[in-house]
C-alpha atoms as a PDB file:
ATOM      1  CA  UNK A   1     -19.044 -35.164   5.780  1.00  0.00           C
ATOM      2  CA  UNK A   2     -17.358 -35.607   9.143  1.00  0.00           C
ATOM      3  CA  UNK A   3     -14.483 -33.314   8.120  1.00  0.00           C
ATOM      4  CA  UNK A   4     -16.909 -30.668   6.933  1.00  0.00           C
ATOM      5  CA  UNK A   5     -18.825 -30.794  10.196  1.00  0.00           C
ATOM      6  CA  UNK A   6     -15.572 -30.476  12.104  1.00  0.00           C
ATOM      7  CA  UNK A   7     -14.530 -27.430  10.024  1.00  0.00           C
ATOM      8  CA  UNK A   8     -17.854 -25.706  10.623  1.00  0.00           C
ATOM      9  CA  UNK A   9     -17.572 -26.437  14.341  1.00  0.00           C
ATOM     10  CA  UNK A  10     -14.091 -24.917  14.402  1.00  0.00           C
ATOM     11  CA  UNK A  11     -15.266 -21.775  12.607  1.00  0.00           C
ATOM     12  CA  UNK A  12     -18.149 -21.499  15.014  1.00  0.00           C
ATOM     13  CA  UNK A  13     -15.817 -21.763  18.014  1.00  0.00           C
ATOM     14  CA  UNK A  14     -13.105 -19.455  16.659  1.00  0.00           C
ATOM     15  CA  UNK A  15     -15.173 -16.622  15.303  1.00  0.00           C
ATOM     16  CA  UNK A  16     -18.199 -16.361  17.554  1.00  0.00           C
ATOM     17  CA  UNK A  17     -17.423 -13.860  20.273  1.00  0.00           C
ATOM     18  CA  UNK A  18     -14.007 -12.940  18.881  1.00  0.00           C
ATOM     19  CA  UNK A  19     -14.908 -10.991  15.714  1.00  0.00           C
ATOM     20  CA  UNK A  20     -17.185  -8.017  16.524  1.00  0.00           C
ATOM     21  CA  UNK A  21     -20.382  -8.048  14.450  1.00  0.00           C
ATOM     22  CA  UNK A  22     -19.873 -11.538  12.963  1.00  0.00           C
ATOM     23  CA  UNK A  23     -21.493 -14.836  13.857  1.00  0.00           C
ATOM     24  CA  UNK A  24     -20.985 -18.184  12.120  1.00  0.00           C
ATOM     25  CA  UNK A  25     -24.094 -20.369  12.285  1.00  0.00           C
ATOM     26  CA  UNK A  26     -23.840 -24.042  11.129  1.00  0.00           C
ATOM     27  CA  UNK A  27     -26.951 -25.094   9.200  1.00  0.00           C
ATOM     28  CA  UNK A  28     -27.703 -28.851   8.961  1.00  0.00           C
ATOM     29  CA  UNK A  29     -30.256 -30.086   6.450  1.00  0.00           C
ATOM     30  CA  UNK A  30     -32.700 -32.823   7.519  1.00  0.00           C
ATOM     31  CA  UNK A  31     -30.720 -33.267  10.717  1.00  0.00           C
ATOM     32  CA  UNK A  32     -27.791 -34.660   8.728  1.00  0.00           C
ATOM     33  CA  UNK A  33     -24.302 -33.323   8.112  1.00  0.00           C
ATOM     34  CA  UNK A  34     -24.038 -34.590   4.529  1.00  0.00           C
ATOM     35  CA  UNK A  35     -25.206 -31.232   3.127  1.00  0.00           C
ATOM     36  CA  UNK A  36     -23.966 -28.292   5.169  1.00  0.00           C
ATOM     37  CA  UNK A  37     -24.081 -24.562   4.611  1.00  0.00           C
ATOM     38  CA  UNK A  38     -22.675 -21.840   6.784  1.00  0.00           C
ATOM     39  CA  UNK A  39     -24.571 -18.660   7.458  1.00  0.00           C
ATOM     40  CA  UNK A  40     -22.511 -15.588   8.326  1.00  0.00           C
ATOM     41  CA  UNK A  41     -24.613 -12.995  10.107  1.00  0.00           C
ATOM     42  CA  UNK A  42     -23.245  -9.474  10.019  1.00  0.00           C
ATOM     43  CA  UNK A  43     -24.709  -6.913  12.400  1.00  0.00           C
ATOM     44  CA  UNK A  44     -25.324  -3.324  11.412  1.00  0.00           C
ATOM     45  CA  UNK A  45     -23.949  -1.888  14.676  1.00  0.00           C
ATOM     46  CA  UNK A  46     -20.331  -2.750  13.997  1.00  0.00           C
ATOM     47  CA  UNK A  47     -17.889  -0.162  15.349  1.00  0.00           C
ATOM     48  CA  UNK A  48     -14.228   0.531  14.691  1.00  0.00           C
ATOM     49  CA  UNK A  49     -11.905  -1.089  17.214  1.00  0.00           C
ATOM     50  CA  UNK A  50      -8.914   1.203  17.697  1.00  0.00           C
ATOM     51  CA  UNK A  51      -7.299  -1.318  19.999  1.00  0.00           C
ATOM     52  CA  UNK A  52      -6.504  -3.665  17.092  1.00  0.00           C
ATOM     53  CA  UNK A  53      -2.891  -2.985  16.106  1.00  0.00           C
ATOM     54  CA  UNK A  54      -1.930  -6.172  14.267  1.00  0.00           C
ATOM     55  CA  UNK A  55      -2.701  -7.363  10.776  1.00  0.00           C
ATOM     56  CA  UNK A  56      -2.730 -11.072   9.877  1.00  0.00           C
ATOM     57  CA  UNK A  57      -1.923 -12.548   6.482  1.00  0.00           C
ATOM     58  CA  UNK A  58      -2.073 -16.279   5.786  1.00  0.00           C
ATOM     59  CA  UNK A  59       1.101 -17.874   4.450  1.00  0.00           C
ATOM     60  CA  UNK A  60       2.027 -21.468   3.746  1.00  0.00           C
ATOM     61  CA  UNK A  61       2.116 -23.190   7.111  1.00  0.00           C
ATOM     62  CA  UNK A  62       1.165 -20.262   9.283  1.00  0.00           C
ATOM     63  CA  UNK A  63       0.299 -16.595   9.680  1.00  0.00           C
ATOM     64  CA  UNK A  64       2.303 -13.436   9.038  1.00  0.00           C
ATOM     65  CA  UNK A  65       1.678 -10.914  11.800  1.00  0.00           C
ATOM     66  CA  UNK A  66       2.536  -7.293  11.099  1.00  0.00           C
ATOM     67  CA  UNK A  67       1.749  -3.942  12.632  1.00  0.00           C
ATOM     68  CA  UNK A  68      -1.326  -2.310  11.197  1.00  0.00           C
ATOM     69  CA  UNK A  69      -0.351   0.780   9.203  1.00  0.00           C
ATOM     70  CA  UNK A  70      -2.814   3.239  10.714  1.00  0.00           C
ATOM     71  CA  UNK A  71      -1.184   6.616  10.160  1.00  0.00           C
ATOM     72  CA  UNK A  72      -0.133   8.747   7.201  1.00  0.00           C
ATOM     73  CA  UNK A  73       2.204  11.679   7.599  1.00  0.00           C
ATOM     74  CA  UNK A  74       1.162  14.876   5.854  1.00  0.00           C
ATOM     75  CA  UNK A  75       3.641  15.714   3.092  1.00  0.00           C
ATOM     76  CA  UNK A  76       4.870  19.270   3.647  1.00  0.00           C
ATOM     77  CA  UNK A  77       7.152  21.589   1.674  1.00  0.00           C
ATOM     78  CA  UNK A  78       9.752  21.589   4.470  1.00  0.00           C
ATOM     79  CA  UNK A  79      10.350  17.876   3.823  1.00  0.00           C
ATOM     80  CA  UNK A  80      11.999  18.767   0.498  1.00  0.00           C
ATOM     81  CA  UNK A  81      15.617  17.596   0.213  1.00  0.00           C
ATOM     82  CA  UNK A  82      16.370  18.872  -3.314  1.00  0.00           C
ATOM     83  CA  UNK A  83      17.258  22.211  -4.807  1.00  0.00           C
ATOM     84  CA  UNK A  84      13.931  22.406  -6.652  1.00  0.00           C
ATOM     85  CA  UNK A  85      10.978  22.958  -4.325  1.00  0.00           C
ATOM     86  CA  UNK A  86       7.461  21.581  -4.911  1.00  0.00           C
ATOM     87  CA  UNK A  87       4.596  23.722  -6.182  1.00  0.00           C
ATOM     88  CA  UNK A  88       1.265  23.796  -4.363  1.00  0.00           C
ATOM     89  CA  UNK A  89      -0.233  21.602  -7.071  1.00  0.00           C
ATOM     90  CA  UNK A  90       2.577  19.084  -6.705  1.00  0.00           C
ATOM     91  CA  UNK A  91       2.133  19.024  -2.916  1.00  0.00           C
ATOM     92  CA  UNK A  92      -1.515  18.129  -3.401  1.00  0.00           C
ATOM     93  CA  UNK A  93      -0.600  15.225  -5.665  1.00  0.00           C
ATOM     94  CA  UNK A  94       2.279  14.178  -3.372  1.00  0.00           C
ATOM     95  CA  UNK A  95      -0.120  13.926  -0.445  1.00  0.00           C
ATOM     96  CA  UNK A  96      -2.626  12.026  -2.550  1.00  0.00           C
ATOM     97  CA  UNK A  97       0.016   9.563  -3.757  1.00  0.00           C
ATOM     98  CA  UNK A  98       1.421   9.109  -0.263  1.00  0.00           C
ATOM     99  CA  UNK A  99      -2.051   8.089   0.997  1.00  0.00           C
ATOM    100  CA  UNK A 100      -2.675   5.728  -1.885  1.00  0.00           C
ATOM    101  CA  UNK A 101       0.681   3.940  -1.800  1.00  0.00           C
ATOM    102  CA  UNK A 102       0.160   2.750   1.806  1.00  0.00           C
ATOM    103  CA  UNK A 103      -2.584   0.424   0.519  1.00  0.00           C
ATOM    104  CA  UNK A 104      -0.416  -1.112  -2.203  1.00  0.00           C
ATOM    105  CA  UNK A 105       1.650  -4.222  -1.562  1.00  0.00           C
ATOM    106  CA  UNK A 106       5.385  -3.599  -1.136  1.00  0.00           C
ATOM    107  CA  UNK A 107       7.488  -2.864  -3.033  1.00  0.00           C
ATOM    108  CA  UNK A 108       4.932  -0.197  -3.921  1.00  0.00           C
ATOM    109  CA  UNK A 109       5.091   2.680  -6.384  1.00  0.00           C
ATOM    110  CA  UNK A 110       2.168   4.914  -7.383  1.00  0.00           C
ATOM    111  CA  UNK A 111       2.155   7.425 -10.240  1.00  0.00           C
ATOM    112  CA  UNK A 112      -0.219  10.376  -9.841  1.00  0.00           C
ATOM    113  CA  UNK A 113      -1.447  13.204 -12.066  1.00  0.00           C
ATOM    114  CA  UNK A 114      -3.938  15.921 -11.081  1.00  0.00           C
ATOM    115  CA  UNK A 115      -5.417  13.982  -8.162  1.00  0.00           C
ATOM    116  CA  UNK A 116      -5.741  10.726 -10.093  1.00  0.00           C
ATOM    117  CA  UNK A 117      -3.841   7.449  -9.784  1.00  0.00           C
ATOM    118  CA  UNK A 118      -2.487   6.774 -13.273  1.00  0.00           C
ATOM    119  CA  UNK A 119      -0.077   3.903 -12.553  1.00  0.00           C
ATOM    120  CA  UNK A 120       0.514   1.318  -9.828  1.00  0.00           C
ATOM    121  CA  UNK A 121       3.517  -0.974  -9.407  1.00  0.00           C
ATOM    122  CA  UNK A 122       3.255  -3.559  -6.629  1.00  0.00           C
ATOM    123  CA  UNK A 123       4.832  -6.624  -5.096  1.00  0.00           C
ATOM    124  CA  UNK A 124       8.051  -6.665  -7.152  1.00  0.00           C
ATOM    125  CA  UNK A 125      11.407  -7.980  -5.967  1.00  0.00           C
ATOM    126  CA  UNK A 126      13.017  -4.568  -6.402  1.00  0.00           C
ATOM    127  CA  UNK A 127      11.750  -1.007  -6.303  1.00  0.00           C
ATOM    128  CA  UNK A 128      12.851  -0.004  -9.781  1.00  0.00           C
ATOM    129  CA  UNK A 129      10.750  -2.892 -11.145  1.00  0.00           C
ATOM    130  CA  UNK A 130       7.649  -1.500  -9.456  1.00  0.00           C
ATOM    131  CA  UNK A 131       8.503   1.985 -10.735  1.00  0.00           C
ATOM    132  CA  UNK A 132       8.779   0.705 -14.293  1.00  0.00           C
ATOM    133  CA  UNK A 133       5.360  -0.979 -14.105  1.00  0.00           C
ATOM    134  CA  UNK A 134       3.652   2.143 -12.692  1.00  0.00           C
ATOM    135  CA  UNK A 135       5.275   4.509 -15.167  1.00  0.00           C
ATOM    136  CA  UNK A 136       4.535   2.325 -18.178  1.00  0.00           C
ATOM    137  CA  UNK A 137       0.897   2.217 -17.104  1.00  0.00           C
ATOM    138  CA  UNK A 138       0.836   6.010 -16.872  1.00  0.00           C
ATOM    139  CA  UNK A 139       2.338   6.399 -20.333  1.00  0.00           C
ATOM    140  CA  UNK A 140      -0.058   3.832 -21.807  1.00  0.00           C
ATOM    141  CA  UNK A 141      -2.910   5.922 -20.421  1.00  0.00           C
ATOM    142  CA  UNK A 142      -1.522   9.049 -22.071  1.00  0.00           C
ATOM    143  CA  UNK A 143       0.107  10.677 -19.046  1.00  0.00           C
ATOM    144  CA  UNK A 144       3.652  11.467 -20.101  1.00  0.00           C
ATOM    145  CA  UNK A 145       4.650  14.657 -18.316  1.00  0.00           C
ATOM    146  CA  UNK A 146       4.206  16.437 -14.993  1.00  0.00           C
ATOM    147  CA  UNK A 147       3.809  13.183 -13.076  1.00  0.00           C
ATOM    148  CA  UNK A 148       4.228  12.684  -9.362  1.00  0.00           C
ATOM    149  CA  UNK A 149       5.672   9.491  -7.919  1.00  0.00           C
ATOM    150  CA  UNK A 150       5.101   8.029  -4.436  1.00  0.00           C
ATOM    151  CA  UNK A 151       7.170   5.163  -3.027  1.00  0.00           C
ATOM    152  CA  UNK A 152       6.273   3.259   0.160  1.00  0.00           C
ATOM    153  CA  UNK A 153       9.966   2.647   0.933  1.00  0.00           C
ATOM    154  CA  UNK A 154      13.277   4.383   0.316  1.00  0.00           C
ATOM    155  CA  UNK A 155      15.207   4.134  -2.936  1.00  0.00           C
ATOM    156  CA  UNK A 156      18.262   1.886  -2.331  1.00  0.00           C
ATOM    157  CA  UNK A 157      19.870   3.258  -5.511  1.00  0.00           C
ATOM    158  CA  UNK A 158      19.378   6.249  -7.807  1.00  0.00           C
ATOM    159  CA  UNK A 159      18.088   4.077 -10.667  1.00  0.00           C
ATOM    160  CA  UNK A 160      14.433   4.742  -9.796  1.00  0.00           C
ATOM    161  CA  UNK A 161      15.059   8.486  -9.985  1.00  0.00           C
ATOM    162  CA  UNK A 162      16.746   8.089 -13.361  1.00  0.00           C
ATOM    163  CA  UNK A 163      13.802   6.103 -14.680  1.00  0.00           C
ATOM    164  CA  UNK A 164      11.321   8.588 -13.228  1.00  0.00           C
ATOM    165  CA  UNK A 165      12.982  11.405 -15.114  1.00  0.00           C
ATOM    166  CA  UNK A 166      12.777   9.437 -18.359  1.00  0.00           C
ATOM    167  CA  UNK A 167       8.995   9.033 -17.891  1.00  0.00           C
ATOM    168  CA  UNK A 168       8.195  12.667 -17.126  1.00  0.00           C
ATOM    169  CA  UNK A 169       8.117  12.608 -13.333  1.00  0.00           C
ATOM    170  CA  UNK A 170       8.630  16.059 -11.778  1.00  0.00           C
ATOM    171  CA  UNK A 171       8.115  15.302  -8.055  1.00  0.00           C
ATOM    172  CA  UNK A 172       8.799  12.300  -5.801  1.00  0.00           C
ATOM    173  CA  UNK A 173       7.818  11.462  -2.243  1.00  0.00           C
ATOM    174  CA  UNK A 174       9.536   8.655  -0.374  1.00  0.00           C
ATOM    175  CA  UNK A 175      10.506   7.905   3.243  1.00  0.00           C
ATOM    176  CA  UNK A 176      14.276   8.353   2.877  1.00  0.00           C
ATOM    177  CA  UNK A 177      16.620   6.419   5.129  1.00  0.00           C
ATOM    178  CA  UNK A 178      18.857   4.635   2.617  1.00  0.00           C
ATOM    179  CA  UNK A 179      22.618   4.738   3.046  1.00  0.00           C
ATOM    180  CA  UNK A 180      22.589   5.978  -0.547  1.00  0.00           C
ATOM    181  CA  UNK A 181      20.065   8.784  -0.077  1.00  0.00           C
ATOM    182  CA  UNK A 182      22.616  11.322  -1.243  1.00  0.00           C
ATOM    183  CA  UNK A 183      22.917   9.502  -4.583  1.00  0.00           C
ATOM    184  CA  UNK A 184      19.172   9.765  -5.130  1.00  0.00           C
ATOM    185  CA  UNK A 185      19.138  13.429  -4.088  1.00  0.00           C
ATOM    186  CA  UNK A 186      22.041  14.230  -6.438  1.00  0.00           C
ATOM    187  CA  UNK A 187      20.289  12.446  -9.296  1.00  0.00           C
ATOM    188  CA  UNK A 188      17.048  14.320  -8.617  1.00  0.00           C
ATOM    189  CA  UNK A 189      18.956  17.636  -8.657  1.00  0.00           C
ATOM    190  CA  UNK A 190      20.633  16.626 -11.912  1.00  0.00           C
ATOM    191  CA  UNK A 191      17.279  15.759 -13.518  1.00  0.00           C
ATOM    192  CA  UNK A 192      15.356  18.772 -12.207  1.00  0.00           C
ATOM    193  CA  UNK A 193      13.058  16.738  -9.956  1.00  0.00           C
ATOM    194  CA  UNK A 194      11.809  17.876  -6.569  1.00  0.00           C
ATOM    195  CA  UNK A 195      11.982  15.137  -3.943  1.00  0.00           C
ATOM    196  CA  UNK A 196      10.606  14.984  -0.408  1.00  0.00           C
ATOM    197  CA  UNK A 197      11.441  12.654   2.485  1.00  0.00           C
ATOM    198  CA  UNK A 198       8.608  11.882   4.922  1.00  0.00           C
ATOM    199  CA  UNK A 199      10.818  10.169   7.549  1.00  0.00           C
ATOM    200  CA  UNK A 200       8.359   7.285   7.851  1.00  0.00           C
ATOM    201  CA  UNK A 201       7.605   4.402   5.563  1.00  0.00           C
ATOM    202  CA  UNK A 202       4.589   2.320   4.650  1.00  0.00           C
ATOM    203  CA  UNK A 203       4.808  -1.458   4.422  1.00  0.00           C
ATOM    204  CA  UNK A 204       2.225  -3.997   3.337  1.00  0.00           C
ATOM    205  CA  UNK A 205       2.437  -7.709   2.622  1.00  0.00           C
END
């Protein structure tokens, strides 16, 4: 009971006044701490705090602090690095995928078709592994051609482009920036895929 009371006291001290719109209220029953509940009161007048620029994720033994990914670059036709240029329909899906993939844990790949997310690959040790998961999901759902692929980070090798072609991907958006970008561009040209580089990456853990 003493440990529980201590924990509630710590929450009360840490959160009250530091988290806008949230209060932690310890509730003792019959003036004893042997049965404790915590009431979290959330106010309706909460407002967005644009000054917050960090994101915190708990890890074993501490916290991971990372910059909050607050912006998304518009994907434009002039970002194309391949011989084949994107259609207007593809640009719409490329922009949609680029906005979705920022919310997926790295390494992140999103497959898109006609404004719908049809496959998501997340949190894999390598990017081609995430691509395989997303594309297999798309195929299992019946989407086997005309797909668009969005990647939160650059392709370190051309293997993801090769796999994308095998699964019916026709357009790819990624940040670019790999020392092997030219390999991926050459493979996209070989496979008849349009590929665009945004010049910025997303990253989420």
